[in-house]
């Protein structure tokens, strides 16, 4: 890609911000990443990522994008012992009260294009940050907060920032990308510049989740690297047990509408016992616990419809949780940020006017898929009113999950959609619907 401008500024060194900076480095001579936190050296937590100590997973689509953007990064993951989920036998996935997974001959199951990886959030940020920092023309300004946008005519021409000592300056920019997350101030800044803020849709979920890190005796879980038990209406709680680098695991226990795990160890284990399969809970009883419990709360999921705005200033984009902050129990956020980075890259490469409209329109297709799926599940679990379409789709997906236990084609299709490799629309093609409604292929006698 040729250079399309001199200077781009990314607000926020989140995963969304780092991946945006990576693709912008190919299109702009200089890229500045502005981050309010002092950025750590190495694999450490930071204040601006309170969810960092909890379970995180990169879905297969996110893995594929990282591999594309940072050749050799997955080899570094492997060298550092980041677990890769490459086979259905490595997952225990309990959704809607039924354990998913193809039960036929393993050789019939279609191979995965990419595995899922389970790095800790601090590890992932550290590795990606190092890759971005090493790129020519990229500069990090940490300990520096964005205060306001600076406009020139109908364009954003820069951003006003303040260092920790209070000194302010304006960073001129051809493009400003807001990656500051669910608390991002772009809607406020737009109003100050005379534009409308985007419409918002909010779903109150009041999700609270609590996590601890642990080690397990060798072989305690067999081949399992991931254990997921999703919430159901009669039990609005969920758990995730994920293997991570350095031979550790992280156990995250979450709940809707005020349901929350105790933080003392016995209470934490008692909460886990409500959901964990017996063999998994037996392994947890043998664990070496490495730290105290940490709790994080997310009051609502929120979708901002930037693609619907009739007027939007040039030189400005919003990515990541600022566009859509999902219920974190679904684990979609980091992969969706990676997808948006590729959309940004492709939008810049296509050229032409109105970058924002092209970017937001393309982003909406993927965001809406994940948003509708998650919101439908949230409403069902919380007993909130569902539309007729949501009820029909929910019943169809449950049947698909059941049939896929003995249908390798459906199992593979569902896995690709769940990993955000394929759009959800592929599950509603006529041939797929017919397999679901007729119960799939006949079992061999």
Protein backbone atom coordinates (compact mmCIF):
# COMPACT_ATOMS: atom_id res chain seq x y z
CA UNK A 1 0.00 0.00 0.00
CA UNK A 2 1.33 3.45 -0.85
CA UNK A 3 1.31 6.25 1.69
CA UNK A 4 -1.98 8.18 1.79
CA UNK A 5 -1.00 10.77 4.38
CA UNK A 6 1.69 12.10 6.67
CA UNK A 7 0.44 11.58 10.23
CA UNK A 8 -2.19 9.40 11.90
CA UNK A 9 -2.94 9.48 15.63
CA UNK A 10 -4.42 6.51 17.49
CA UNK A 11 -6.04 7.22 20.84
CA UNK A 12 -5.59 4.23 23.13
CA UNK A 13 -3.06 1.39 23.22
CA UNK A 14 -5.73 -1.28 23.61
CA UNK A 15 -5.73 -4.31 21.33
CA UNK A 16 -7.98 -2.33 18.97
CA UNK A 17 -5.60 0.62 19.09
CA UNK A 18 -2.47 -1.45 18.58
CA UNK A 19 -3.90 -3.31 15.59
CA UNK A 20 -5.13 -0.04 14.10
CA UNK A 21 -1.65 1.44 14.50
CA UNK A 22 -0.20 -1.60 12.73
CA UNK A 23 -2.26 -1.10 9.57
CA UNK A 24 -1.92 2.70 9.68
CA UNK A 25 1.88 2.34 9.67
CA UNK A 26 1.59 1.02 6.11
CA UNK A 27 -0.51 3.99 4.99
CA UNK A 28 0.96 6.98 6.87
CA UNK A 29 4.54 8.19 7.20
CA UNK A 30 4.15 8.71 10.94
CA UNK A 31 1.80 7.13 13.49
CA UNK A 32 1.49 8.31 17.09
CA UNK A 33 -0.23 6.12 19.69
CA UNK A 34 -1.54 8.21 22.59
CA UNK A 35 -2.21 6.29 25.81
CA UNK A 36 -3.36 7.66 29.15
CA UNK A 37 -1.63 4.89 31.15
CA UNK A 38 2.12 4.67 31.60
CA UNK A 39 2.78 1.57 29.51
CA UNK A 40 4.57 -1.27 31.30
CA UNK A 41 7.72 -2.95 30.08
CA UNK A 42 7.05 -6.66 29.81
CA UNK A 43 4.01 -8.72 30.74
CA UNK A 44 2.28 -6.68 33.43
CA UNK A 45 -1.25 -5.53 34.21
CA UNK A 46 -2.15 -1.89 33.75
CA UNK A 47 -4.83 0.34 35.24
CA UNK A 48 -6.63 1.09 31.98
CA UNK A 49 -7.36 -2.60 31.34
CA UNK A 50 -9.24 -3.72 34.48
CA UNK A 51 -10.49 -6.79 32.61
CA UNK A 52 -6.91 -7.85 31.89
CA UNK A 53 -6.66 -10.37 34.74
CA UNK A 54 -9.69 -12.30 33.52
CA UNK A 55 -10.17 -14.96 30.83
CA UNK A 56 -9.38 -13.98 27.25
CA UNK A 57 -9.30 -16.04 24.09
CA UNK A 58 -8.45 -15.29 20.49
CA UNK A 59 -10.99 -16.89 18.19
CA UNK A 60 -9.67 -18.52 15.00
CA UNK A 61 -10.45 -15.43 12.88
CA UNK A 62 -8.45 -13.26 15.28
CA UNK A 63 -5.56 -15.72 15.13
CA UNK A 64 -5.58 -15.66 11.32
CA UNK A 65 -5.47 -11.86 11.30
CA UNK A 66 -2.60 -11.69 13.80
CA UNK A 67 -0.69 -14.17 11.68
CA UNK A 68 -1.27 -11.98 8.63
CA UNK A 69 -0.37 -8.68 10.30
CA UNK A 70 2.62 -9.96 12.29
CA UNK A 71 4.38 -12.80 10.47
CA UNK A 72 6.22 -14.95 12.99
CA UNK A 73 4.14 -13.87 15.99
CA UNK A 74 2.41 -17.24 16.35
CA UNK A 75 5.81 -18.93 16.47
CA UNK A 76 6.65 -16.67 19.41
CA UNK A 77 3.37 -17.69 21.04
CA UNK A 78 4.33 -21.33 20.65
CA UNK A 79 7.84 -20.73 22.02
CA UNK A 80 6.34 -19.03 25.07
CA UNK A 81 3.93 -21.90 25.71
CA UNK A 82 0.69 -20.15 24.76
CA UNK A 83 -1.88 -22.96 24.41
CA UNK A 84 -3.45 -23.51 20.99
CA UNK A 85 -6.84 -25.20 20.76
CA UNK A 86 -6.56 -27.27 17.58
CA UNK A 87 -9.07 -30.06 18.11
CA UNK A 88 -12.65 -30.36 19.42
CA UNK A 89 -11.26 -32.89 21.92
CA UNK A 90 -9.46 -30.01 23.65
CA UNK A 91 -12.71 -28.14 24.39
CA UNK A 92 -15.63 -28.71 26.73
CA UNK A 93 -18.28 -26.35 25.45
CA UNK A 94 -21.64 -26.39 27.29
CA UNK A 95 -24.12 -24.04 25.60
CA UNK A 96 -27.85 -23.81 26.27
CA UNK A 97 -27.53 -26.71 28.67
CA UNK A 98 -26.05 -29.16 26.16
CA UNK A 99 -22.43 -30.13 25.57
CA UNK A 100 -21.42 -29.34 22.02
CA UNK A 101 -19.01 -31.36 19.97
CA UNK A 102 -18.97 -33.82 17.13
CA UNK A 103 -19.28 -37.39 18.43
CA UNK A 104 -18.51 -39.28 15.22
CA UNK A 105 -15.18 -40.56 13.89
CA UNK A 106 -12.48 -37.88 14.30
CA UNK A 107 -11.33 -38.34 10.70
CA UNK A 108 -14.76 -37.14 9.48
CA UNK A 109 -14.45 -33.79 11.26
CA UNK A 110 -13.28 -31.00 8.91
CA UNK A 111 -9.85 -29.58 9.80
CA UNK A 112 -9.62 -26.09 11.27
CA UNK A 113 -7.89 -23.37 9.23
CA UNK A 114 -6.44 -21.83 12.39
CA UNK A 115 -6.50 -22.85 16.04
CA UNK A 116 -7.78 -20.68 18.83
CA UNK A 117 -5.13 -19.24 21.14
CA UNK A 118 -5.47 -18.43 24.83
CA UNK A 119 -2.82 -15.89 25.83
CA UNK A 120 -3.35 -13.83 28.94
CA UNK A 121 -4.37 -10.27 28.11
CA UNK A 122 -1.14 -8.74 29.53
CA UNK A 123 0.95 -11.20 27.51
CA UNK A 124 -0.94 -10.49 24.29
CA UNK A 125 -0.77 -6.72 24.71
CA UNK A 126 2.94 -6.88 25.51
CA UNK A 127 3.77 -9.01 22.46
CA UNK A 128 1.66 -6.95 20.05
CA UNK A 129 2.87 -3.66 21.54
CA UNK A 130 6.49 -4.73 20.98
CA UNK A 131 5.72 -5.62 17.36
CA UNK A 132 4.03 -2.27 16.71
CA UNK A 133 6.71 -0.27 18.53
CA UNK A 134 9.36 -1.81 16.26
CA UNK A 135 7.64 -0.58 13.08
CA UNK A 136 9.24 2.38 11.28
CA UNK A 137 7.46 5.68 11.93
CA UNK A 138 5.47 4.53 14.99
CA UNK A 139 5.84 6.50 18.25
CA UNK A 140 4.10 5.87 21.58
CA UNK A 141 3.08 8.79 23.82
CA UNK A 142 2.05 7.13 27.09
CA UNK A 143 1.03 8.95 30.24
CA UNK A 144 -0.81 11.30 27.88
CA UNK A 145 -4.59 11.86 27.74
CA UNK A 146 -6.69 13.02 24.79
CA UNK A 147 -8.74 16.08 25.78
CA UNK A 148 -10.54 17.17 22.63
CA UNK A 149 -10.52 17.09 18.86
CA UNK A 150 -9.28 19.98 16.77
CA UNK A 151 -11.27 20.71 13.61
CA UNK A 152 -10.61 22.61 10.42
CA UNK A 153 -13.73 23.11 8.34
CA UNK A 154 -15.55 19.79 7.98
CA UNK A 155 -12.51 17.73 9.01
CA UNK A 156 -10.76 16.73 12.18
CA UNK A 157 -7.25 18.14 11.89
CA UNK A 158 -5.72 16.89 15.13
CA UNK A 159 -6.22 16.19 18.80
CA UNK A 160 -5.44 18.16 21.94
CA UNK A 161 -3.59 16.09 24.52
CA UNK A 162 -2.33 16.67 28.05
CA UNK A 163 0.69 15.08 29.70
CA UNK A 164 0.61 13.98 33.33
CA UNK A 165 2.27 17.25 34.38
CA UNK A 166 -0.67 19.16 32.89
CA UNK A 167 1.10 20.53 29.83
CA UNK A 168 -1.15 20.58 26.76
CA UNK A 169 -0.33 20.43 23.08
CA UNK A 170 -2.04 19.83 19.77
CA UNK A 171 -0.99 16.86 17.66
CA UNK A 172 -1.84 17.66 14.01
CA UNK A 173 -3.18 14.65 12.15
CA UNK A 174 -4.57 13.60 8.79
CA UNK A 175 -6.53 10.89 10.63
CA UNK A 176 -7.49 10.37 14.27
CA UNK A 177 -8.65 6.90 15.34
CA UNK A 178 -10.46 6.67 18.68
CA UNK A 179 -9.64 3.31 20.29
CA UNK A 180 -10.28 4.39 23.89
CA UNK A 181 -13.02 1.83 24.43
CA UNK A 182 -16.50 1.88 25.89
CA UNK A 183 -15.75 5.11 27.75
CA UNK A 184 -14.53 6.91 24.61
CA UNK A 185 -15.62 10.54 24.26
CA UNK A 186 -16.19 10.77 20.51
CA UNK A 187 -19.99 11.21 20.91
CA UNK A 188 -19.33 14.23 23.17
CA UNK A 189 -16.66 15.60 20.85
CA UNK A 190 -18.98 15.28 17.85
CA UNK A 191 -21.61 17.44 19.56
CA UNK A 192 -19.00 20.09 20.36
CA UNK A 193 -18.12 20.21 16.67
CA UNK A 194 -21.76 20.61 15.64
CA UNK A 195 -22.47 17.00 14.62
CA UNK A 196 -25.02 14.53 15.94
CA UNK A 197 -23.92 11.76 18.26
CA UNK A 198 -24.70 8.26 16.98
CA UNK A 199 -27.82 6.41 18.02
CA UNK A 200 -27.18 3.91 20.81
CA UNK A 201 -28.73 0.60 21.74
CA UNK A 202 -28.14 -0.58 25.30
CA UNK A 203 -28.96 -3.90 26.91
CA UNK A 204 -28.61 -3.91 30.72
CA UNK A 205 -26.89 -7.16 31.68
CA UNK A 206 -25.23 -6.28 35.01
CA UNK A 207 -22.55 -8.91 34.44
CA UNK A 208 -20.02 -9.44 37.21
CA UNK A 209 -17.14 -11.83 36.86
CA UNK A 210 -14.43 -12.98 39.24
CA UNK A 211 -11.15 -14.71 38.35
CA UNK A 212 -8.23 -16.54 39.92
CA UNK A 213 -5.09 -18.02 38.37
CA UNK A 214 -4.04 -21.56 39.21
CA UNK A 215 -1.87 -24.53 38.31
CA UNK A 216 -3.18 -28.06 37.92
CA UNK A 217 -1.35 -31.37 38.33
CA UNK A 218 -0.15 -32.77 35.00
CA UNK A 219 -2.94 -34.64 33.22
CA UNK A 220 -5.64 -33.47 35.63
CA UNK A 221 -7.86 -32.38 32.74
CA UNK A 222 -6.66 -34.87 30.14
CA UNK A 223 -6.51 -33.11 26.78
CA UNK A 224 -8.79 -30.22 27.78
CA UNK A 225 -7.42 -26.71 27.31
CA UNK A 226 -10.75 -24.88 27.48
CA UNK A 227 -13.88 -25.48 29.56
CA UNK A 228 -16.81 -23.16 28.87
CA UNK A 229 -20.19 -23.43 30.56
CA UNK A 230 -22.61 -20.74 29.41
CA UNK A 231 -25.48 -19.25 31.38
CA UNK A 232 -29.03 -20.50 30.94
CA UNK A 233 -32.33 -18.93 32.11
CA UNK A 234 -32.66 -21.22 35.12
CA UNK A 235 -29.01 -20.58 36.07
CA UNK A 236 -27.81 -17.13 34.96
CA UNK A 237 -24.16 -17.87 35.74
CA UNK A 238 -21.24 -18.99 33.58
CA UNK A 239 -17.69 -20.23 33.90
CA UNK A 240 -14.57 -20.35 31.80
CA UNK A 241 -11.44 -22.37 32.63
CA UNK A 242 -8.67 -21.65 30.13
CA UNK A 243 -5.08 -22.83 29.89
CA UNK A 244 -2.59 -19.96 29.45
CA UNK A 245 1.14 -19.47 28.98
CA UNK A 246 3.65 -20.67 31.60
CA UNK A 247 1.50 -23.69 32.41
CA UNK A 248 -1.12 -21.62 34.23
CA UNK A 249 -4.89 -21.67 34.03
CA UNK A 250 -7.36 -18.90 34.69
CA UNK A 251 -10.79 -19.67 36.14
CA UNK A 252 -13.43 -16.99 35.58
CA UNK A 253 -16.87 -17.23 37.17
CA UNK A 254 -19.52 -14.81 35.96
CA UNK A 255 -23.15 -14.02 36.54
CA UNK A 256 -25.98 -11.81 35.32
CA UNK A 257 -28.17 -9.41 37.25
CA UNK A 258 -26.26 -9.33 40.50
CA UNK A 259 -25.22 -13.00 40.55
CA UNK A 260 -21.56 -12.94 41.58
CA UNK A 261 -18.98 -15.31 42.96
CA UNK A 262 -17.61 -14.88 46.48
CA UNK A 263 -13.95 -13.91 46.54
CA UNK A 264 -12.80 -16.23 49.34
CA UNK A 265 -11.45 -19.51 48.02
CA UNK A 266 -14.07 -21.85 49.51
CA UNK A 267 -16.90 -19.60 48.37
CA UNK A 268 -15.29 -19.29 44.94
CA UNK A 269 -15.06 -23.07 44.63
CA UNK A 270 -18.63 -23.56 45.84
CA UNK A 271 -19.82 -21.13 43.15
CA UNK A 272 -17.80 -23.05 40.53
CA UNK A 273 -19.28 -26.38 41.66
CA UNK A 274 -22.74 -25.21 40.54
CA UNK A 275 -21.58 -25.27 36.92
CA UNK A 276 -18.40 -27.29 36.51
CA UNK A 277 -18.59 -30.83 35.10
CA UNK A 278 -17.70 -33.26 37.91
CA UNK A 279 -14.33 -34.27 36.44
CA UNK A 280 -13.39 -30.59 36.01
CA UNK A 281 -14.36 -29.73 39.56
CA UNK A 282 -12.35 -32.68 40.84
CA UNK A 283 -9.32 -31.20 39.08
CA UNK A 284 -10.00 -27.77 40.62
CA UNK A 285 -9.90 -29.35 44.07
CA UNK A 286 -6.29 -30.33 43.34
CA UNK A 287 -5.24 -26.87 42.13
CA UNK A 288 -2.46 -24.67 43.42
CA UNK A 289 -4.04 -21.22 43.60
CA UNK A 290 -1.64 -18.47 42.55
CA UNK A 291 -3.38 -15.22 43.49
CA UNK A 292 -6.37 -13.64 45.15
CA UNK A 293 -9.68 -13.21 43.37
CA UNK A 294 -10.28 -10.13 41.23
CA UNK A 295 -13.75 -8.95 40.27
CA UNK A 296 -14.93 -6.80 37.36
CA UNK A 297 -18.43 -5.52 36.56
CA UNK A 298 -19.99 -4.58 33.22
CA UNK A 299 -23.42 -2.95 33.63
CA UNK A 300 -24.52 -3.08 29.99
CA UNK A 301 -23.75 -4.06 26.43
CA UNK A 302 -23.83 -1.09 24.06
CA UNK A 303 -23.93 -0.67 20.29
CA UNK A 304 -23.27 2.75 18.68
CA UNK A 305 -24.58 3.10 15.12
CA UNK A 306 -22.01 5.36 13.49
CA UNK A 307 -22.93 3.99 10.07
CA UNK A 308 -26.38 5.64 10.34
CA UNK A 309 -25.07 9.19 10.74
CA UNK A 310 -25.80 11.46 7.76
CA UNK A 311 -22.94 13.81 8.60
CA UNK A 312 -19.56 12.84 10.00
CA UNK A 313 -16.31 14.80 9.94
CA UNK A 314 -13.47 13.67 7.73
CA UNK A 315 -10.27 12.57 9.39
CA UNK A 316 -11.94 10.64 12.25
CA UNK A 317 -12.78 7.00 12.94
CA UNK A 318 -13.88 4.97 15.97
CA UNK A 319 -12.87 1.33 16.50
CA UNK A 320 -13.23 -1.41 19.10
CA UNK A 321 -15.52 -1.07 22.10
CA UNK A 322 -16.31 2.52 21.11
CA UNK A 323 -18.39 1.05 18.27
CA UNK A 324 -19.76 -1.94 20.16
CA UNK A 325 -18.98 -3.15 23.66
CA UNK A 326 -20.16 -6.74 23.87
CA UNK A 327 -21.08 -8.79 26.89
CA UNK A 328 -17.58 -10.03 27.82
CA UNK A 329 -18.89 -13.51 28.67
CA UNK A 330 -19.09 -14.18 24.91
CA UNK A 331 -15.38 -13.53 24.29
CA UNK A 332 -15.79 -11.67 20.97
CA UNK A 333 -14.13 -8.33 21.65
CA UNK A 334 -10.49 -8.92 20.70
CA UNK A 335 -11.32 -10.82 17.52
CA UNK A 336 -13.80 -8.15 16.47
CA UNK A 337 -11.06 -5.54 16.98
CA UNK A 338 -8.83 -7.59 14.68
CA UNK A 339 -11.55 -7.76 12.03
CA UNK A 340 -11.96 -3.98 12.19
CA UNK A 341 -8.21 -3.54 11.67
CA UNK A 342 -8.44 -5.46 8.38
CA UNK A 343 -11.47 -3.41 7.35
CA UNK A 344 -9.49 -0.24 8.07
CA UNK A 345 -6.58 -1.55 6.00
CA UNK A 346 -8.83 -2.44 3.07
CA UNK A 347 -10.75 0.85 3.27
CA UNK A 348 -7.51 2.82 3.09
CA UNK A 349 -6.22 0.70 0.22
CA UNK A 350 -9.43 1.18 -1.77
CA UNK A 351 -8.97 4.95 -1.65
CA UNK A 352 -11.71 7.33 -2.62
CA UNK A 353 -13.70 9.82 -0.56
CA UNK A 354 -15.65 9.33 2.65
CA UNK A 355 -13.39 6.87 4.44
CA UNK A 356 -15.57 6.95 7.56
CA UNK A 357 -18.75 5.91 5.76
CA UNK A 358 -17.02 3.05 3.97
CA UNK A 359 -15.32 1.88 7.15
CA UNK A 360 -18.40 2.05 9.40
CA UNK A 361 -20.64 0.37 6.79
CA UNK A 362 -18.24 -2.55 6.34
CA UNK A 363 -17.69 -2.84 10.10
CA UNK A 364 -21.43 -2.93 10.80
CA UNK A 365 -21.87 -6.20 8.87
CA UNK A 366 -19.62 -8.08 11.29
CA UNK A 367 -20.56 -6.15 14.43
CA UNK A 368 -24.28 -6.67 13.84
CA UNK A 369 -23.80 -10.44 13.51
CA UNK A 370 -22.09 -10.70 16.89
CA UNK A 371 -24.40 -8.12 18.49
CA UNK A 372 -27.64 -9.84 17.46
CA UNK A 373 -26.38 -13.24 18.58
CA UNK A 374 -25.24 -11.94 21.95
CA UNK A 375 -28.26 -9.75 22.64
CA UNK A 376 -30.67 -12.57 21.78
CA UNK A 377 -28.89 -14.83 24.27
CA UNK A 378 -28.84 -12.10 26.93
CA UNK A 379 -32.56 -11.47 26.63
CA UNK A 380 -33.34 -15.15 26.84
CA UNK A 381 -31.18 -15.65 29.93
CA UNK A 382 -32.55 -12.56 31.67
CA UNK A 383 -36.17 -13.28 30.76
CA UNK A 384 -36.46 -10.04 28.77
CA UNK A 385 -38.95 -9.73 25.90
CA UNK A 386 -37.68 -11.24 22.66
CA UNK A 387 -38.92 -10.56 19.18
CA UNK A 388 -40.47 -13.40 17.22
CA UNK A 389 -37.39 -13.45 14.98
CA UNK A 390 -35.08 -13.79 18.00
CA UNK A 391 -37.15 -16.68 19.36
CA UNK A 392 -37.19 -18.51 16.02
CA UNK A 393 -33.47 -18.03 15.45
CA UNK A 394 -32.70 -19.14 19.01
CA UNK A 395 -34.71 -22.35 18.57
CA UNK A 396 -33.07 -23.02 15.20
CA UNK A 397 -29.54 -22.59 16.59
CA UNK A 398 -30.31 -24.93 19.49
CA UNK A 399 -31.48 -27.60 17.03
CA UNK A 400 -28.41 -27.03 14.85
CA UNK A 401 -26.18 -27.53 17.88
CA UNK A 402 -27.94 -30.77 18.74
CA UNK A 403 -27.80 -32.17 15.19
CA UNK A 404 -24.16 -31.19 14.77
CA UNK A 405 -23.19 -33.77 17.40
CA UNK A 406 -23.48 -36.46 14.70
CA UNK A 407 -23.18 -34.32 11.55
CA UNK A 408 -19.57 -33.32 10.76
CA UNK A 409 -20.65 -30.83 8.09
CA UNK A 410 -22.88 -28.90 10.49
CA UNK A 411 -20.29 -29.20 13.26
CA UNK A 412 -17.65 -27.66 11.04
CA UNK A 413 -19.95 -24.89 9.81
CA UNK A 414 -20.98 -23.97 13.34
CA UNK A 415 -17.36 -23.96 14.49
CA UNK A 416 -16.37 -21.59 11.66
CA UNK A 417 -19.20 -19.19 12.46
CA UNK A 418 -18.48 -19.39 16.19
CA UNK A 419 -14.83 -18.57 15.43
CA UNK A 420 -15.93 -15.59 13.27
CA UNK A 421 -14.30 -17.14 10.21
CA UNK A 422 -17.60 -17.19 8.30
CA UNK A 423 -20.61 -14.87 8.64
CA UNK A 424 -23.64 -16.20 10.49
CA UNK A 425 -25.64 -16.10 7.26
CA UNK A 426 -23.90 -19.31 6.16
CA UNK A 427 -25.92 -21.20 8.81
CA UNK A 428 -29.13 -20.18 7.05
CA UNK A 429 -28.33 -21.33 3.53
CA UNK A 430 -31.06 -23.66 2.17
CA UNK A 431 -28.86 -26.76 2.19
CA UNK A 432 -27.82 -26.11 5.81
CA UNK A 433 -31.40 -25.45 6.94
CA UNK A 434 -32.49 -28.71 5.32
CA UNK A 435 -29.78 -30.67 7.20
CA UNK A 436 -30.84 -29.08 10.47
CA UNK A 437 -34.57 -29.67 10.01
CA UNK A 438 -34.17 -33.27 8.80
CA UNK A 439 -31.70 -34.18 11.52
CA UNK A 440 -28.59 -34.43 9.34
CA UNK A 441 -27.26 -37.60 7.71
CA UNK A 442 -28.52 -40.96 8.79
CA UNK A 443 -26.35 -42.74 11.34
CA UNK A 444 -24.55 -45.81 10.07
CA UNK A 445 -26.03 -48.99 11.46
